[in-house]
Amino acid sequence: MSADCVIIELSPHGARVRISSAVRLPPSVALLLISDGLLFDAMVAWRQGDATGLAFKGRHDLRTEDDPAYRSVRALWVELGVRSSEL
């Protein structure tokens, strides 16, 4: 599952994002920062309407990540990056 969100605040330890409250999030999520090729493993810390707080548990640089477990998300990042550069 993937859903678009808007990053409101970003720190080394977490993020505040805006995502529709209609989107049901599991306790563990991943946040993909398309512009930088960074994937954050995160936990949903809180939700209030469309605002969601994420606490980061890990970080992966998709520009250099060679673990086969991240192959599909790296392909998604490449595809999304190409689409966003076409806009």
PDB file of N, CA and C in Angstrom:
ATOM      1  N   MET A   1       0.843  -1.175   0.000  1.00  0.00           N
ATOM      2  CA  MET A   1       0.000   0.000   0.000  1.00  0.00           C
ATOM      3  C   MET A   1       0.883   1.230   0.000  1.00  0.00           C
ATOM      4  N   SER A   2       0.494   2.227  -0.748  1.00  0.00           N
ATOM      5  CA  SER A   2       1.190   3.510  -0.691  1.00  0.00           C
ATOM      6  C   SER A   2       0.162   4.619  -0.715  1.00  0.00           C
ATOM      7  N   ALA A   3       0.512   5.745  -0.134  1.00  0.00           N
ATOM      8  CA  ALA A   3      -0.369   6.903  -0.091  1.00  0.00           C
ATOM      9  C   ALA A   3       0.488   8.156  -0.133  1.00  0.00           C
ATOM     10  N   ASP A   4       0.018   9.148  -0.849  1.00  0.00           N
ATOM     11  CA  ASP A   4       0.722  10.424  -0.891  1.00  0.00           C
ATOM     12  C   ASP A   4       0.512  11.164   0.423  1.00  0.00           C
ATOM     13  N   CYS A   5       1.541  11.900   0.819  1.00  0.00           N
ATOM     14  CA  CYS A   5       1.429  12.750   2.001  1.00  0.00           C
ATOM     15  C   CYS A   5       2.271  13.999   1.765  1.00  0.00           C
ATOM     16  N   VAL A   6       2.062  14.979   2.608  1.00  0.00           N
ATOM     17  CA  VAL A   6       2.852  16.206   2.573  1.00  0.00           C
ATOM     18  C   VAL A   6       3.666  16.244   3.859  1.00  0.00           C
ATOM     19  N   ILE A   7       4.970  16.416   3.730  1.00  0.00           N
ATOM     20  CA  ILE A   7       5.836  16.505   4.906  1.00  0.00           C
ATOM     21  C   ILE A   7       5.794  17.941   5.411  1.00  0.00           C
ATOM     22  N   ILE A   8       5.310  18.114   6.632  1.00  0.00           N
ATOM     23  CA  ILE A   8       5.195  19.438   7.239  1.00  0.00           C
ATOM     24  C   ILE A   8       6.484  19.789   7.990  1.00  0.00           C
ATOM     25  N   GLU A   9       6.986  18.854   8.758  1.00  0.00           N
ATOM     26  CA  GLU A   9       8.237  19.031   9.512  1.00  0.00           C
ATOM     27  C   GLU A   9       9.043  17.749   9.396  1.00  0.00           C
ATOM     28  N   LEU A  10      10.353  17.905   9.321  1.00  0.00           N
ATOM     29  CA  LEU A  10      11.254  16.759   9.215  1.00  0.00           C
ATOM     30  C   LEU A  10      12.446  16.998  10.117  1.00  0.00           C
ATOM     31  N   SER A  11      12.757  16.009  10.941  1.00  0.00           N
ATOM     32  CA  SER A  11      13.935  16.091  11.811  1.00  0.00           C
ATOM     33  C   SER A  11      14.671  14.759  11.717  1.00  0.00           C
ATOM     34  N   PRO A  12      15.850  14.663  12.298  1.00  0.00           N
ATOM     35  CA  PRO A  12      16.572  13.383  12.270  1.00  0.00           C
ATOM     36  C   PRO A  12      15.822  12.249  12.993  1.00  0.00           C
ATOM     37  N   HIS A  13      14.881  12.605  13.864  1.00  0.00           N
ATOM     38  CA  HIS A  13      14.211  11.600  14.689  1.00  0.00           C
ATOM     39  C   HIS A  13      12.765  11.307  14.275  1.00  0.00           C
ATOM     40  N   GLY A  14      12.203  12.137  13.395  1.00  0.00           N
ATOM     41  CA  GLY A  14      10.822  11.908  13.018  1.00  0.00           C
ATOM     42  C   GLY A  14      10.302  12.968  12.060  1.00  0.00           C
ATOM     43  N   ALA A  15       9.000  12.899  11.822  1.00  0.00           N
ATOM     44  CA  ALA A  15       8.373  13.828  10.888  1.00  0.00           C
ATOM     45  C   ALA A  15       6.925  14.052  11.284  1.00  0.00           C
ATOM     46  N   ARG A  16       6.423  15.208  10.890  1.00  0.00           N
ATOM     47  CA  ARG A  16       4.993  15.477  10.971  1.00  0.00           C
ATOM     48  C   ARG A  16       4.524  15.569   9.539  1.00  0.00           C
ATOM     49  N   VAL A  17       3.545  14.755   9.183  1.00  0.00           N
ATOM     50  CA  VAL A  17       3.053  14.709   7.811  1.00  0.00           C
ATOM     51  C   VAL A  17       1.546  14.967   7.797  1.00  0.00           C
ATOM     52  N   ARG A  18       1.090  15.414   6.632  1.00  0.00           N
ATOM     53  CA  ARG A  18      -0.346  15.571   6.415  1.00  0.00           C
ATOM     54  C   ARG A  18      -0.787  14.477   5.449  1.00  0.00           C
ATOM     55  N   ILE A  19      -1.698  13.654   5.914  1.00  0.00           N
ATOM     56  CA  ILE A  19      -2.256  12.556   5.120  1.00  0.00           C
ATOM     57  C   ILE A  19      -3.722  12.434   5.516  1.00  0.00           C
ATOM     58  N   SER A  20      -4.560  12.179   4.563  1.00  0.00           N
ATOM     59  CA  SER A  20      -5.995  12.113   4.833  1.00  0.00           C
ATOM     60  C   SER A  20      -6.289  11.166   5.991  1.00  0.00           C
ATOM     61  N   SER A  21      -7.151  11.621   6.885  1.00  0.00           N
ATOM     62  CA  SER A  21      -7.537  10.765   8.016  1.00  0.00           C
ATOM     63  C   SER A  21      -8.327   9.542   7.543  1.00  0.00           C
ATOM     64  N   ALA A  22      -8.790   9.562   6.302  1.00  0.00           N
ATOM     65  CA  ALA A  22      -9.492   8.401   5.741  1.00  0.00           C
ATOM     66  C   ALA A  22      -8.533   7.259   5.424  1.00  0.00           C
ATOM     67  N   VAL A  23      -7.235   7.551   5.323  1.00  0.00           N
ATOM     68  CA  VAL A  23      -6.234   6.525   5.051  1.00  0.00           C
ATOM     69  C   VAL A  23      -5.896   5.828   6.368  1.00  0.00           C
ATOM     70  N   ARG A  24      -6.142   4.543   6.407  1.00  0.00           N
ATOM     71  CA  ARG A  24      -5.813   3.763   7.602  1.00  0.00           C
ATOM     72  C   ARG A  24      -4.351   3.376   7.555  1.00  0.00           C
ATOM     73  N   LEU A  25      -3.624   3.779   8.562  1.00  0.00           N
ATOM     74  CA  LEU A  25      -2.195   3.475   8.626  1.00  0.00           C
ATOM     75  C   LEU A  25      -1.937   2.357   9.622  1.00  0.00           C
ATOM     76  N   PRO A  26      -1.058   1.426   9.261  1.00  0.00           N
ATOM     77  CA  PRO A  26      -0.634   0.416  10.241  1.00  0.00           C
ATOM     78  C   PRO A  26       0.323   1.072  11.245  1.00  0.00           C
ATOM     79  N   PRO A  27       0.610   0.413  12.346  1.00  0.00           N
ATOM     80  CA  PRO A  27       1.527   1.001  13.343  1.00  0.00           C
ATOM     81  C   PRO A  27       2.924   1.275  12.786  1.00  0.00           C
ATOM     82  N   SER A  28       3.421   0.411  11.907  1.00  0.00           N
ATOM     83  CA  SER A  28       4.738   0.604  11.283  1.00  0.00           C
ATOM     84  C   SER A  28       4.538   1.013   9.835  1.00  0.00           C
ATOM     85  N   VAL A  29       5.233   2.080   9.432  1.00  0.00           N
ATOM     86  CA  VAL A  29       5.129   2.591   8.067  1.00  0.00           C
ATOM     87  C   VAL A  29       6.520   2.931   7.557  1.00  0.00           C
ATOM     88  N   ALA A  30       6.591   3.260   6.287  1.00  0.00           N
ATOM     89  CA  ALA A  30       7.841   3.747   5.694  1.00  0.00           C
ATOM     90  C   ALA A  30       7.522   5.085   5.036  1.00  0.00           C
ATOM     91  N   LEU A  31       8.423   6.027   5.185  1.00  0.00           N
ATOM     92  CA  LEU A  31       8.286   7.347   4.572  1.00  0.00           C
ATOM     93  C   LEU A  31       9.382   7.484   3.528  1.00  0.00           C
ATOM     94  N   LEU A  32       8.984   7.704   2.284  1.00  0.00           N
ATOM     95  CA  LEU A  32       9.931   7.844   1.177  1.00  0.00           C
ATOM     96  C   LEU A  32      10.062   9.318   0.824  1.00  0.00           C
ATOM     97  N   LEU A  33      11.242   9.843   0.983  1.00  0.00           N
ATOM     98  CA  LEU A  33      11.545  11.223   0.606  1.00  0.00           C
ATOM     99  C   LEU A  33      12.097  11.175  -0.817  1.00  0.00           C
ATOM    100  N   ILE A  34      11.220  11.374  -1.784  1.00  0.00           N
ATOM    101  CA  ILE A  34      11.562  11.165  -3.194  1.00  0.00           C
ATOM    102  C   ILE A  34      12.731  12.021  -3.631  1.00  0.00           C
ATOM    103  N   SER A  35      12.732  13.292  -3.256  1.00  0.00           N
ATOM    104  CA  SER A  35      13.769  14.215  -3.735  1.00  0.00           C
ATOM    105  C   SER A  35      15.177  13.808  -3.314  1.00  0.00           C
ATOM    106  N   ASP A  36      15.307  13.135  -2.158  1.00  0.00           N
ATOM    107  CA  ASP A  36      16.631  12.771  -1.639  1.00  0.00           C
ATOM    108  C   ASP A  36      16.927  11.279  -1.721  1.00  0.00           C
ATOM    109  N   GLY A  37      15.948  10.490  -2.130  1.00  0.00           N
ATOM    110  CA  GLY A  37      16.164   9.043  -2.205  1.00  0.00           C
ATOM    111  C   GLY A  37      16.347   8.405  -0.847  1.00  0.00           C
ATOM    112  N   LEU A  38      15.670   8.935   0.163  1.00  0.00           N
ATOM    113  CA  LEU A  38      15.788   8.395   1.516  1.00  0.00           C
ATOM    114  C   LEU A  38      14.496   7.697   1.910  1.00  0.00           C
ATOM    115  N   LEU A  39      14.641   6.535   2.507  1.00  0.00           N
ATOM    116  CA  LEU A  39      13.514   5.752   3.003  1.00  0.00           C
ATOM    117  C   LEU A  39      13.673   5.631   4.510  1.00  0.00           C
ATOM    118  N   PHE A  40      12.645   6.054   5.248  1.00  0.00           N
ATOM    119  CA  PHE A  40      12.680   5.986   6.700  1.00  0.00           C
ATOM    120  C   PHE A  40      11.715   4.910   7.186  1.00  0.00           C
ATOM    121  N   ASP A  41      12.194   3.999   8.018  1.00  0.00           N
ATOM    122  CA  ASP A  41      11.329   3.068   8.735  1.00  0.00           C
ATOM    123  C   ASP A  41      10.778   3.862   9.917  1.00  0.00           C
ATOM    124  N   ALA A  42       9.463   3.835  10.099  1.00  0.00           N
ATOM    125  CA  ALA A  42       8.872   4.690  11.128  1.00  0.00           C
ATOM    126  C   ALA A  42       7.721   3.997  11.835  1.00  0.00           C
ATOM    127  N   MET A  43       7.414   4.520  12.996  1.00  0.00           N
ATOM    128  CA  MET A  43       6.236   4.129  13.772  1.00  0.00           C
ATOM    129  C   MET A  43       5.304   5.337  13.815  1.00  0.00           C
ATOM    130  N   VAL A  44       4.007   5.070  13.723  1.00  0.00           N
ATOM    131  CA  VAL A  44       3.030   6.148  13.883  1.00  0.00           C
ATOM    132  C   VAL A  44       2.976   6.469  15.375  1.00  0.00           C
ATOM    133  N   ALA A  45       3.380   7.690  15.724  1.00  0.00           N
ATOM    134  CA  ALA A  45       3.418   8.102  17.126  1.00  0.00           C
ATOM    135  C   ALA A  45       2.081   8.691  17.564  1.00  0.00           C
ATOM    136  N   TRP A  46       1.423   9.396  16.651  1.00  0.00           N
ATOM    137  CA  TRP A  46       0.128  10.000  16.958  1.00  0.00           C
ATOM    138  C   TRP A  46      -0.575  10.405  15.669  1.00  0.00           C
ATOM    139  N   ARG A  47      -1.898  10.562  15.757  1.00  0.00           N
ATOM    140  CA  ARG A  47      -2.718  11.053  14.632  1.00  0.00           C
ATOM    141  C   ARG A  47      -3.745  12.007  15.204  1.00  0.00           C
ATOM    142  N   GLN A  48      -3.933  13.113  14.510  1.00  0.00           N
ATOM    143  CA  GLN A  48      -4.940  14.096  14.912  1.00  0.00           C
ATOM    144  C   GLN A  48      -5.505  14.707  13.638  1.00  0.00           C
ATOM    145  N   GLY A  49      -6.663  14.221  13.219  1.00  0.00           N
ATOM    146  CA  GLY A  49      -7.236  14.652  11.948  1.00  0.00           C
ATOM    147  C   GLY A  49      -6.329  14.209  10.805  1.00  0.00           C
ATOM    148  N   ASP A  50      -5.953  15.163   9.949  1.00  0.00           N
ATOM    149  CA  ASP A  50      -5.058  14.846   8.832  1.00  0.00           C
ATOM    150  C   ASP A  50      -3.576  14.928   9.207  1.00  0.00           C
ATOM    151  N   ALA A  51      -3.270  15.299  10.431  1.00  0.00           N
ATOM    152  CA  ALA A  51      -1.872  15.395  10.878  1.00  0.00           C
ATOM    153  C   ALA A  51      -1.457  14.073  11.523  1.00  0.00           C
ATOM    154  N   THR A  52      -0.228  13.636  11.187  1.00  0.00           N
ATOM    155  CA  THR A  52       0.307  12.386  11.729  1.00  0.00           C
ATOM    156  C   THR A  52       1.757  12.598  12.136  1.00  0.00           C
ATOM    157  N   GLY A  53       2.104  12.130  13.310  1.00  0.00           N
ATOM    158  CA  GLY A  53       3.486  12.183  13.780  1.00  0.00           C
ATOM    159  C   GLY A  53       4.149  10.830  13.596  1.00  0.00           C
ATOM    160  N   LEU A  54       5.331  10.852  13.016  1.00  0.00           N
ATOM    161  CA  LEU A  54       6.096   9.627  12.780  1.00  0.00           C
ATOM    162  C   LEU A  54       7.391   9.661  13.580  1.00  0.00           C
ATOM    163  N   ALA A  55       7.741   8.559  14.208  1.00  0.00           N
ATOM    164  CA  ALA A  55       9.018   8.404  14.911  1.00  0.00           C
ATOM    165  C   ALA A  55       9.878   7.448  14.095  1.00  0.00           C
ATOM    166  N   PHE A  56      11.061   7.917  13.684  1.00  0.00           N
ATOM    167  CA  PHE A  56      11.933   7.112  12.834  1.00  0.00           C
ATOM    168  C   PHE A  56      12.649   6.032  13.628  1.00  0.00           C
ATOM    169  N   LYS A  57      12.727   4.830  13.005  1.00  0.00           N
ATOM    170  CA  LYS A  57      13.451   3.701  13.587  1.00  0.00           C
ATOM    171  C   LYS A  57      14.693   3.354  12.775  1.00  0.00           C
ATOM    172  N   GLY A  58      14.714   3.760  11.495  1.00  0.00           N
ATOM    173  CA  GLY A  58      15.838   3.430  10.625  1.00  0.00           C
ATOM    174  C   GLY A  58      15.805   4.294   9.380  1.00  0.00           C
ATOM    175  N   ARG A  59      16.917   4.291   8.672  1.00  0.00           N
ATOM    176  CA  ARG A  59      17.037   5.119   7.470  1.00  0.00           C
ATOM    177  C   ARG A  59      17.842   4.360   6.422  1.00  0.00           C
ATOM    178  N   HIS A  60      17.404   4.468   5.158  1.00  0.00           N
ATOM    179  CA  HIS A  60      18.078   3.797   4.052  1.00  0.00           C
ATOM    180  C   HIS A  60      18.263   4.799   2.918  1.00  0.00           C
ATOM    181  N   ASP A  61      19.472   4.897   2.418  1.00  0.00           N
ATOM    182  CA  ASP A  61      19.763   5.763   1.276  1.00  0.00           C
ATOM    183  C   ASP A  61      19.607   4.919   0.020  1.00  0.00           C
ATOM    184  N   LEU A  62      18.535   5.143  -0.727  1.00  0.00           N
ATOM    185  CA  LEU A  62      18.248   4.324  -1.899  1.00  0.00           C
ATOM    186  C   LEU A  62      19.222   4.566  -3.045  1.00  0.00           C
ATOM    187  N   ARG A  63      20.008   5.634  -2.967  1.00  0.00           N
ATOM    188  CA  ARG A  63      21.031   5.884  -3.995  1.00  0.00           C
ATOM    189  C   ARG A  63      22.166   4.882  -3.883  1.00  0.00           C
ATOM    190  N   THR A  64      22.380   4.341  -2.670  1.00  0.00           N
ATOM    191  CA  THR A  64      23.498   3.423  -2.456  1.00  0.00           C
ATOM    192  C   THR A  64      23.078   2.075  -1.869  1.00  0.00           C
ATOM    193  N   GLU A  65      21.830   1.948  -1.468  1.00  0.00           N
ATOM    194  CA  GLU A  65      21.338   0.706  -0.839  1.00  0.00           C
ATOM    195  C   GLU A  65      21.412  -0.451  -1.837  1.00  0.00           C
ATOM    196  N   ASP A  66      22.087  -1.534  -1.441  1.00  0.00           N
ATOM    197  CA  ASP A  66      22.192  -2.689  -2.338  1.00  0.00           C
ATOM    198  C   ASP A  66      21.556  -3.952  -1.756  1.00  0.00           C
ATOM    199  N   ASP A  67      20.884  -3.822  -0.614  1.00  0.00           N
ATOM    200  CA  ASP A  67      20.190  -4.954  -0.007  1.00  0.00           C
ATOM    201  C   ASP A  67      19.015  -5.352  -0.912  1.00  0.00           C
ATOM    202  N   PRO A  68      18.942  -6.631  -1.335  1.00  0.00           N
ATOM    203  CA  PRO A  68      17.845  -7.073  -2.205  1.00  0.00           C
ATOM    204  C   PRO A  68      16.455  -6.820  -1.615  1.00  0.00           C
ATOM    205  N   ALA A  69      16.335  -6.711  -0.305  1.00  0.00           N
ATOM    206  CA  ALA A  69      15.041  -6.461   0.335  1.00  0.00           C
ATOM    207  C   ALA A  69      14.466  -5.105  -0.056  1.00  0.00           C
ATOM    208  N   TYR A  70      15.319  -4.197  -0.507  1.00  0.00           N
ATOM    209  CA  TYR A  70      14.874  -2.845  -0.861  1.00  0.00           C
ATOM    210  C   TYR A  70      14.809  -2.626  -2.371  1.00  0.00           C
ATOM    211  N   ARG A  71      14.976  -3.689  -3.140  1.00  0.00           N
ATOM    212  CA  ARG A  71      14.982  -3.581  -4.605  1.00  0.00           C
ATOM    213  C   ARG A  71      13.678  -2.995  -5.145  1.00  0.00           C
ATOM    214  N   SER A  72      12.535  -3.472  -4.632  1.00  0.00           N
ATOM    215  CA  SER A  72      11.248  -2.993  -5.163  1.00  0.00           C
ATOM    216  C   SER A  72      10.971  -1.545  -4.782  1.00  0.00           C
ATOM    217  N   VAL A  73      11.327  -1.152  -3.563  1.00  0.00           N
ATOM    218  CA  VAL A  73      11.103   0.242  -3.178  1.00  0.00           C
ATOM    219  C   VAL A  73      12.075   1.169  -3.912  1.00  0.00           C
ATOM    220  N   ARG A  74      13.268   0.674  -4.212  1.00  0.00           N
ATOM    221  CA  ARG A  74      14.212   1.475  -4.996  1.00  0.00           C
ATOM    222  C   ARG A  74      13.656   1.687  -6.403  1.00  0.00           C
ATOM    223  N   ALA A  75      13.065   0.655  -6.997  1.00  0.00           N
ATOM    224  CA  ALA A  75      12.456   0.781  -8.329  1.00  0.00           C
ATOM    225  C   ALA A  75      11.295   1.772  -8.289  1.00  0.00           C
ATOM    226  N   LEU A  76      10.502   1.729  -7.226  1.00  0.00           N
ATOM    227  CA  LEU A  76       9.410   2.685  -7.074  1.00  0.00           C
ATOM    228  C   LEU A  76       9.950   4.105  -6.983  1.00  0.00           C
ATOM    229  N   TRP A  77      11.012   4.295  -6.202  1.00  0.00           N
ATOM    230  CA  TRP A  77      11.626   5.615  -6.059  1.00  0.00           C
ATOM    231  C   TRP A  77      12.099   6.141  -7.414  1.00  0.00           C
ATOM    232  N   VAL A  78      12.760   5.295  -8.190  1.00  0.00           N
ATOM    233  CA  VAL A  78      13.233   5.705  -9.513  1.00  0.00           C
ATOM    234  C   VAL A  78      12.045   6.118 -10.380  1.00  0.00           C
ATOM    235  N   GLU A  79      10.992   5.312 -10.374  1.00  0.00           N
ATOM    236  CA  GLU A  79       9.805   5.621 -11.177  1.00  0.00           C
ATOM    237  C   GLU A  79       9.158   6.932 -10.734  1.00  0.00           C
ATOM    238  N   LEU A  80       9.000   7.130  -9.444  1.00  0.00           N
ATOM    239  CA  LEU A  80       8.388   8.348  -8.938  1.00  0.00           C
ATOM    240  C   LEU A  80       9.263   9.562  -9.230  1.00  0.00           C
ATOM    241  N   GLY A  81      10.575   9.388  -9.136  1.00  0.00           N
ATOM    242  CA  GLY A  81      11.484  10.489  -9.445  1.00  0.00           C
ATOM    243  C   GLY A  81      11.400  10.905 -10.883  1.00  0.00           C
ATOM    244  N   VAL A  82      11.283   9.959 -11.780  1.00  0.00           N
ATOM    245  CA  VAL A  82      11.146  10.262 -13.207  1.00  0.00           C
ATOM    246  C   VAL A  82       9.831  11.004 -13.440  1.00  0.00           C
ATOM    247  N   ARG A  83       8.748  10.511 -12.833  1.00  0.00           N
ATOM    248  CA  ARG A  83       7.443  11.170 -13.017  1.00  0.00           C
ATOM    249  C   ARG A  83       7.453  12.582 -12.476  1.00  0.00           C
ATOM    250  N   SER A  84       8.042  12.817 -11.303  1.00  0.00           N
ATOM    251  CA  SER A  84       8.038  14.144 -10.723  1.00  0.00           C
ATOM    252  C   SER A  84       8.901  15.118 -11.522  1.00  0.00           C
ATOM    253  N   SER A  85       9.949  14.602 -12.187  1.00  0.00           N
ATOM    254  CA  SER A  85      10.787  15.499 -13.004  1.00  0.00           C
ATOM    255  C   SER A  85      10.109  15.863 -14.311  1.00  0.00           C
ATOM    256  N   GLU A  86       9.103  15.075 -14.719  1.00  0.00           N
ATOM    257  CA  GLU A  86       8.364  15.366 -15.946  1.00  0.00           C
ATOM    258  C   GLU A  86       7.292  16.436 -15.731  1.00  0.00           C
ATOM    259  N   LEU A  87       6.937  16.719 -14.477  1.00  0.00           N
ATOM    260  CA  LEU A  87       5.883  17.701 -14.203  1.00  0.00           C
ATOM    261  C   LEU A  87       6.355  19.113 -14.362  1.00  0.00           C
TER     262      LEU A  87
END
